[in-house]
């Protein structure tokens, strides 16, 4: 069962999330950040796998998506997209308050991947998973956050993705200082963009769960 969570960001946005408490929780909780045009429900299968493995989780709807406020993303300016980092910060604060001694891992897809890396670069997280990150999604860039980034990092992308996510993964990997044994990269040729990779390669979700720490 999931609990509906209502969060208020520092700029007053109402962000809705779904929190799932694992029955036998590990000391790591997972924050899930969806891609553009989608909502928190894209993570439902992964959430089940996480819960079974002992990971509690929080999936949020970014502002302008799903049940969250602040209009509709199609009307967003670049500054509106950049403000979405406040949604991530509010979610991170919630998890810190609910699990003060736990590690926080962040999983993001597409623009959510860029947000995940941006958040992780400036906050205490234990590991990061990026599905189809980009070098620049609506002004949300990754190069600055990748430079000197040293935390455990799992990245995956597919070469048939028109968003050039494989190139973004290569660029990020060239900038981070994550030790090689804590850096995992999975590339496909036929898997599409973001969570669409799950349908073509369902084992990817199991790889993510196994890798999280």
C-alpha atoms as a PDB file:
ATOM      1  CA  UNK A   1       0.000   0.000   0.000  1.00  0.00           C
ATOM      2  CA  UNK A   2       1.151   3.527  -0.770  1.00  0.00           C
ATOM      3  CA  UNK A   3       0.574   6.709   1.196  1.00  0.00           C
ATOM      4  CA  UNK A   4      -0.286   9.924  -0.613  1.00  0.00           C
ATOM      5  CA  UNK A   5       2.105  12.685   0.375  1.00  0.00           C
ATOM      6  CA  UNK A   6       1.537  16.418  -0.095  1.00  0.00           C
ATOM      7  CA  UNK A   7       4.656  18.574  -0.090  1.00  0.00           C
ATOM      8  CA  UNK A   8       5.081  22.337  -0.215  1.00  0.00           C
ATOM      9  CA  UNK A   9       8.192  23.673  -1.910  1.00  0.00           C
ATOM     10  CA  UNK A  10      10.141  26.752  -0.855  1.00  0.00           C
ATOM     11  CA  UNK A  11       8.398  28.719  -3.629  1.00  0.00           C
ATOM     12  CA  UNK A  12       4.934  27.557  -2.523  1.00  0.00           C
ATOM     13  CA  UNK A  13       4.211  24.826  -5.073  1.00  0.00           C
ATOM     14  CA  UNK A  14       2.064  21.856  -4.044  1.00  0.00           C
ATOM     15  CA  UNK A  15       3.808  18.619  -4.977  1.00  0.00           C
ATOM     16  CA  UNK A  16       2.074  15.252  -4.653  1.00  0.00           C
ATOM     17  CA  UNK A  17       3.990  12.068  -4.034  1.00  0.00           C
ATOM     18  CA  UNK A  18       3.427   8.403  -3.328  1.00  0.00           C
ATOM     19  CA  UNK A  19       5.342   6.868  -0.428  1.00  0.00           C
ATOM     20  CA  UNK A  20       5.738   3.107   0.005  1.00  0.00           C
ATOM     21  CA  UNK A  21       7.150   1.644   3.204  1.00  0.00           C
ATOM     22  CA  UNK A  22       8.956  -1.667   2.739  1.00  0.00           C
ATOM     23  CA  UNK A  23       7.967  -4.410   5.200  1.00  0.00           C
ATOM     24  CA  UNK A  24      11.546  -5.235   6.088  1.00  0.00           C
ATOM     25  CA  UNK A  25      13.280  -1.943   5.279  1.00  0.00           C
ATOM     26  CA  UNK A  26      16.936  -1.528   4.526  1.00  0.00           C
ATOM     27  CA  UNK A  27      18.781   1.598   5.636  1.00  0.00           C
ATOM     28  CA  UNK A  28      18.367   3.151   2.181  1.00  0.00           C
ATOM     29  CA  UNK A  29      15.254   4.909   0.854  1.00  0.00           C
ATOM     30  CA  UNK A  30      14.769   5.711  -2.818  1.00  0.00           C
ATOM     31  CA  UNK A  31      13.528   8.946  -4.393  1.00  0.00           C
ATOM     32  CA  UNK A  32      12.059   8.503  -7.893  1.00  0.00           C
ATOM     33  CA  UNK A  33      11.882  11.332 -10.458  1.00  0.00           C
ATOM     34  CA  UNK A  34       9.845  10.834 -13.640  1.00  0.00           C
ATOM     35  CA  UNK A  35      10.386  12.076 -17.187  1.00  0.00           C
ATOM     36  CA  UNK A  36       8.580  14.803 -19.087  1.00  0.00           C
ATOM     37  CA  UNK A  37       4.967  14.146 -20.157  1.00  0.00           C
ATOM     38  CA  UNK A  38       4.623  11.388 -17.573  1.00  0.00           C
ATOM     39  CA  UNK A  39       3.976  11.116 -13.835  1.00  0.00           C
ATOM     40  CA  UNK A  40       4.946   9.103 -10.767  1.00  0.00           C
ATOM     41  CA  UNK A  41       3.009   6.044 -11.956  1.00  0.00           C
ATOM     42  CA  UNK A  42       5.798   5.159 -14.419  1.00  0.00           C
ATOM     43  CA  UNK A  43       7.678   3.713 -11.457  1.00  0.00           C
ATOM     44  CA  UNK A  44       4.953   1.350 -10.195  1.00  0.00           C
ATOM     45  CA  UNK A  45       6.640  -1.904 -11.208  1.00  0.00           C
ATOM     46  CA  UNK A  46      10.055  -0.746 -10.020  1.00  0.00           C
ATOM     47  CA  UNK A  47       8.508   0.358  -6.719  1.00  0.00           C
ATOM     48  CA  UNK A  48       7.145  -3.157  -6.179  1.00  0.00           C
ATOM     49  CA  UNK A  49      10.578  -4.619  -6.831  1.00  0.00           C
ATOM     50  CA  UNK A  50      12.192  -2.079  -4.522  1.00  0.00           C
ATOM     51  CA  UNK A  51       9.719  -2.827  -1.740  1.00  0.00           C
ATOM     52  CA  UNK A  52      10.266  -6.580  -2.059  1.00  0.00           C
ATOM     53  CA  UNK A  53      14.006  -5.991  -1.788  1.00  0.00           C
ATOM     54  CA  UNK A  54      13.562  -3.864   1.352  1.00  0.00           C
ATOM     55  CA  UNK A  55      13.744  -0.359  -0.111  1.00  0.00           C
ATOM     56  CA  UNK A  56      11.104   2.145   0.946  1.00  0.00           C
ATOM     57  CA  UNK A  57      10.472   4.764  -1.733  1.00  0.00           C
ATOM     58  CA  UNK A  58       8.929   8.104  -2.605  1.00  0.00           C
ATOM     59  CA  UNK A  59       7.843   8.898  -6.180  1.00  0.00           C
ATOM     60  CA  UNK A  60       6.713  12.451  -6.879  1.00  0.00           C
ATOM     61  CA  UNK A  61       4.821  14.246  -9.620  1.00  0.00           C
ATOM     62  CA  UNK A  62       6.870  17.227 -10.753  1.00  0.00           C
ATOM     63  CA  UNK A  63       5.037  20.561 -10.840  1.00  0.00           C
ATOM     64  CA  UNK A  64       2.897  20.777 -13.953  1.00  0.00           C
ATOM     65  CA  UNK A  65       2.505  16.982 -14.044  1.00  0.00           C
ATOM     66  CA  UNK A  66       0.069  14.450 -12.594  1.00  0.00           C
ATOM     67  CA  UNK A  67      -1.538  15.561  -9.350  1.00  0.00           C
ATOM     68  CA  UNK A  68       0.894  18.376  -8.592  1.00  0.00           C
ATOM     69  CA  UNK A  69       0.133  22.061  -9.015  1.00  0.00           C
ATOM     70  CA  UNK A  70       1.661  25.034 -10.852  1.00  0.00           C
ATOM     71  CA  UNK A  71      -0.216  24.759 -14.132  1.00  0.00           C
ATOM     72  CA  UNK A  72       0.794  22.496 -17.006  1.00  0.00           C
ATOM     73  CA  UNK A  73       4.328  21.753 -18.136  1.00  0.00           C
ATOM     74  CA  UNK A  74       3.523  22.577 -21.772  1.00  0.00           C
ATOM     75  CA  UNK A  75       3.189  26.219 -20.726  1.00  0.00           C
ATOM     76  CA  UNK A  76       6.462  26.265 -18.769  1.00  0.00           C
ATOM     77  CA  UNK A  77       9.292  28.660 -19.448  1.00  0.00           C
ATOM     78  CA  UNK A  78      12.891  27.564 -18.964  1.00  0.00           C
ATOM     79  CA  UNK A  79      12.789  29.181 -15.525  1.00  0.00           C
ATOM     80  CA  UNK A  80       9.717  27.111 -14.627  1.00  0.00           C
ATOM     81  CA  UNK A  81      11.588  23.933 -15.547  1.00  0.00           C
ATOM     82  CA  UNK A  82      14.584  25.024 -13.504  1.00  0.00           C
ATOM     83  CA  UNK A  83      12.289  25.573 -10.503  1.00  0.00           C
ATOM     84  CA  UNK A  84      11.517  21.839 -10.513  1.00  0.00           C
ATOM     85  CA  UNK A  85      14.679  21.323  -8.464  1.00  0.00           C
ATOM     86  CA  UNK A  86      12.671  22.756  -5.565  1.00  0.00           C
ATOM     87  CA  UNK A  87      10.274  19.795  -5.960  1.00  0.00           C
ATOM     88  CA  UNK A  88      13.207  17.415  -5.530  1.00  0.00           C
ATOM     89  CA  UNK A  89      14.475  19.359  -2.526  1.00  0.00           C
ATOM     90  CA  UNK A  90      11.055  19.175  -0.851  1.00  0.00           C
ATOM     91  CA  UNK A  91      10.936  15.422  -1.459  1.00  0.00           C
ATOM     92  CA  UNK A  92      14.445  14.987  -0.085  1.00  0.00           C
ATOM     93  CA  UNK A  93      13.526  16.983   3.010  1.00  0.00           C
ATOM     94  CA  UNK A  94      10.489  14.767   3.562  1.00  0.00           C
ATOM     95  CA  UNK A  95      12.591  11.605   3.380  1.00  0.00           C
ATOM     96  CA  UNK A  96      15.217  13.083   5.701  1.00  0.00           C
ATOM     97  CA  UNK A  97      12.549  13.895   8.273  1.00  0.00           C
ATOM     98  CA  UNK A  98      10.870  10.501   7.964  1.00  0.00           C
ATOM     99  CA  UNK A  99      14.156   8.541   7.871  1.00  0.00           C
ATOM    100  CA  UNK A 100      16.721  10.717   9.676  1.00  0.00           C
ATOM    101  CA  UNK A 101      19.428   8.048   9.776  1.00  0.00           C
ATOM    102  CA  UNK A 102      18.822   6.399   6.392  1.00  0.00           C
ATOM    103  CA  UNK A 103      20.729   6.784   3.155  1.00  0.00           C
ATOM    104  CA  UNK A 104      18.885   8.381   0.236  1.00  0.00           C
ATOM    105  CA  UNK A 105      19.341   7.035  -3.292  1.00  0.00           C
ATOM    106  CA  UNK A 106      17.921   8.950  -6.257  1.00  0.00           C
ATOM    107  CA  UNK A 107      16.604   7.436  -9.496  1.00  0.00           C
ATOM    108  CA  UNK A 108      15.629   9.695 -12.390  1.00  0.00           C
ATOM    109  CA  UNK A 109      14.483   9.331 -15.994  1.00  0.00           C
ATOM    110  CA  UNK A 110      15.219  11.851 -18.782  1.00  0.00           C
ATOM    111  CA  UNK A 111      14.712  15.355 -17.349  1.00  0.00           C
ATOM    112  CA  UNK A 112      14.239  13.580 -14.014  1.00  0.00           C
ATOM    113  CA  UNK A 113      17.704  12.083 -14.494  1.00  0.00           C
ATOM    114  CA  UNK A 114      19.178  15.552 -14.982  1.00  0.00           C
ATOM    115  CA  UNK A 115      17.350  16.707 -11.858  1.00  0.00           C
ATOM    116  CA  UNK A 116      18.616  13.675  -9.938  1.00  0.00           C
ATOM    117  CA  UNK A 117      22.235  14.468 -10.801  1.00  0.00           C
ATOM    118  CA  UNK A 118      21.787  18.162 -10.002  1.00  0.00           C
ATOM    119  CA  UNK A 119      20.270  17.315  -6.619  1.00  0.00           C
ATOM    120  CA  UNK A 120      22.841  14.654  -5.780  1.00  0.00           C
ATOM    121  CA  UNK A 121      25.737  16.991  -6.573  1.00  0.00           C
ATOM    122  CA  UNK A 122      24.636  19.317  -3.775  1.00  0.00           C
ATOM    123  CA  UNK A 123      23.077  16.977  -1.228  1.00  0.00           C
ATOM    124  CA  UNK A 124      24.017  13.938   0.822  1.00  0.00           C
ATOM    125  CA  UNK A 125      22.892  10.940  -1.221  1.00  0.00           C
ATOM    126  CA  UNK A 126      24.263   7.405  -1.256  1.00  0.00           C
ATOM    127  CA  UNK A 127      23.871   6.575  -4.961  1.00  0.00           C
ATOM    128  CA  UNK A 128      22.301   7.819  -8.182  1.00  0.00           C
ATOM    129  CA  UNK A 129      20.642   6.067 -11.138  1.00  0.00           C
ATOM    130  CA  UNK A 130      20.192   7.970 -14.412  1.00  0.00           C
ATOM    131  CA  UNK A 131      17.967   6.648 -17.211  1.00  0.00           C
ATOM    132  CA  UNK A 132      18.513   8.525 -20.495  1.00  0.00           C
ATOM    133  CA  UNK A 133      20.112  11.648 -19.050  1.00  0.00           C
ATOM    134  CA  UNK A 134      20.711  14.544 -21.431  1.00  0.00           C
ATOM    135  CA  UNK A 135      23.268  17.271 -21.679  1.00  0.00           C
ATOM    136  CA  UNK A 136      20.484  19.894 -21.675  1.00  0.00           C
ATOM    137  CA  UNK A 137      16.753  19.317 -21.179  1.00  0.00           C
ATOM    138  CA  UNK A 138      14.851  22.635 -21.140  1.00  0.00           C
ATOM    139  CA  UNK A 139      17.798  24.376 -19.510  1.00  0.00           C
ATOM    140  CA  UNK A 140      18.417  21.577 -16.988  1.00  0.00           C
ATOM    141  CA  UNK A 141      22.041  20.721 -17.725  1.00  0.00           C
ATOM    142  CA  UNK A 142      24.317  18.001 -16.381  1.00  0.00           C
ATOM    143  CA  UNK A 143      27.861  19.095 -17.172  1.00  0.00           C
ATOM    144  CA  UNK A 144      28.292  21.323 -14.131  1.00  0.00           C
ATOM    145  CA  UNK A 145      26.908  18.736 -11.723  1.00  0.00           C
ATOM    146  CA  UNK A 146      28.959  15.945 -13.298  1.00  0.00           C
ATOM    147  CA  UNK A 147      32.254  17.779 -12.906  1.00  0.00           C
ATOM    148  CA  UNK A 148      33.940  16.307  -9.866  1.00  0.00           C
ATOM    149  CA  UNK A 149      30.924  14.151  -8.950  1.00  0.00           C
ATOM    150  CA  UNK A 150      32.273  11.185  -6.975  1.00  0.00           C
ATOM    151  CA  UNK A 151      29.283   9.220  -5.661  1.00  0.00           C
ATOM    152  CA  UNK A 152      28.163   5.746  -6.844  1.00  0.00           C
ATOM    153  CA  UNK A 153      26.545   6.187 -10.253  1.00  0.00           C
ATOM    154  CA  UNK A 154      24.541   3.886 -12.556  1.00  0.00           C
ATOM    155  CA  UNK A 155      23.687   5.234 -16.025  1.00  0.00           C
ATOM    156  CA  UNK A 156      21.790   3.641 -18.886  1.00  0.00           C
ATOM    157  CA  UNK A 157      20.767   4.791 -22.358  1.00  0.00           C
ATOM    158  CA  UNK A 158      19.959   3.466 -25.821  1.00  0.00           C
ATOM    159  CA  UNK A 159      21.594   4.466 -29.103  1.00  0.00           C
ATOM    160  CA  UNK A 160      18.222   4.650 -30.885  1.00  0.00           C
ATOM    161  CA  UNK A 161      17.163   7.490 -28.572  1.00  0.00           C
ATOM    162  CA  UNK A 162      16.845  10.702 -30.591  1.00  0.00           C
ATOM    163  CA  UNK A 163      17.764  12.674 -27.464  1.00  0.00           C
ATOM    164  CA  UNK A 164      21.403  11.525 -27.797  1.00  0.00           C
ATOM    165  CA  UNK A 165      21.395  10.068 -24.306  1.00  0.00           C
ATOM    166  CA  UNK A 166      24.310   7.724 -25.041  1.00  0.00           C
ATOM    167  CA  UNK A 167      26.427  10.759 -25.858  1.00  0.00           C
ATOM    168  CA  UNK A 168      25.262  12.415 -22.631  1.00  0.00           C
ATOM    169  CA  UNK A 169      26.208   9.313 -20.641  1.00  0.00           C
ATOM    170  CA  UNK A 170      29.645   9.336 -22.242  1.00  0.00           C
ATOM    171  CA  UNK A 171      30.112  13.015 -21.450  1.00  0.00           C
ATOM    172  CA  UNK A 172      28.986  12.600 -17.835  1.00  0.00           C
ATOM    173  CA  UNK A 173      31.263   9.594 -17.355  1.00  0.00           C
ATOM    174  CA  UNK A 174      34.219  11.618 -18.648  1.00  0.00           C
ATOM    175  CA  UNK A 175      33.609  14.298 -16.024  1.00  0.00           C
ATOM    176  CA  UNK A 176      32.768  12.361 -12.866  1.00  0.00           C
ATOM    177  CA  UNK A 177      35.418  11.141 -10.433  1.00  0.00           C
ATOM    178  CA  UNK A 178      33.369   8.173  -9.234  1.00  0.00           C
ATOM    179  CA  UNK A 179      35.684   5.165  -8.688  1.00  0.00           C
ATOM    180  CA  UNK A 180      35.390   2.638 -11.517  1.00  0.00           C
ATOM    181  CA  UNK A 181      34.022  -0.073  -9.230  1.00  0.00           C
ATOM    182  CA  UNK A 182      31.175   2.285  -8.272  1.00  0.00           C
ATOM    183  CA  UNK A 183      30.400   3.431 -11.826  1.00  0.00           C
ATOM    184  CA  UNK A 184      28.074   1.249 -13.919  1.00  0.00           C
ATOM    185  CA  UNK A 185      27.022   2.005 -17.487  1.00  0.00           C
ATOM    186  CA  UNK A 186      24.506  -0.062 -19.471  1.00  0.00           C
ATOM    187  CA  UNK A 187      23.840   0.797 -23.124  1.00  0.00           C
ATOM    188  CA  UNK A 188      21.317  -0.660 -25.537  1.00  0.00           C
ATOM    189  CA  UNK A 189      20.644  -0.279 -29.261  1.00  0.00           C
ATOM    190  CA  UNK A 190      16.880  -0.843 -29.375  1.00  0.00           C
ATOM    191  CA  UNK A 191      15.358   0.301 -26.088  1.00  0.00           C
ATOM    192  CA  UNK A 192      14.130   3.839 -26.714  1.00  0.00           C
ATOM    193  CA  UNK A 193      13.981   6.613 -24.139  1.00  0.00           C
ATOM    194  CA  UNK A 194      13.708   6.664 -20.353  1.00  0.00           C
ATOM    195  CA  UNK A 195      11.456   4.086 -18.717  1.00  0.00           C
ATOM    196  CA  UNK A 196      10.536   2.711 -22.152  1.00  0.00           C
ATOM    197  CA  UNK A 197      13.756   0.738 -21.715  1.00  0.00           C
ATOM    198  CA  UNK A 198      12.006  -1.308 -19.032  1.00  0.00           C
ATOM    199  CA  UNK A 199       9.564  -2.855 -21.510  1.00  0.00           C
ATOM    200  CA  UNK A 200      12.315  -3.887 -23.942  1.00  0.00           C
ATOM    201  CA  UNK A 201      14.723  -4.974 -21.204  1.00  0.00           C
ATOM    202  CA  UNK A 202      12.756  -5.824 -18.027  1.00  0.00           C
ATOM    203  CA  UNK A 203      15.929  -7.129 -16.379  1.00  0.00           C
ATOM    204  CA  UNK A 204      17.112  -3.503 -16.182  1.00  0.00           C
ATOM    205  CA  UNK A 205      14.829  -2.915 -13.215  1.00  0.00           C
ATOM    206  CA  UNK A 206      16.343  -5.895 -11.416  1.00  0.00           C
ATOM    207  CA  UNK A 207      19.813  -4.562 -12.179  1.00  0.00           C
ATOM    208  CA  UNK A 208      18.886  -1.223 -10.630  1.00  0.00           C
ATOM    209  CA  UNK A 209      17.491  -2.810  -7.474  1.00  0.00           C
ATOM    210  CA  UNK A 210      20.555  -5.030  -7.108  1.00  0.00           C
ATOM    211  CA  UNK A 211      22.910  -2.105  -7.601  1.00  0.00           C
ATOM    212  CA  UNK A 212      21.328   0.396  -5.187  1.00  0.00           C
ATOM    213  CA  UNK A 213      23.142   1.051  -1.926  1.00  0.00           C
END
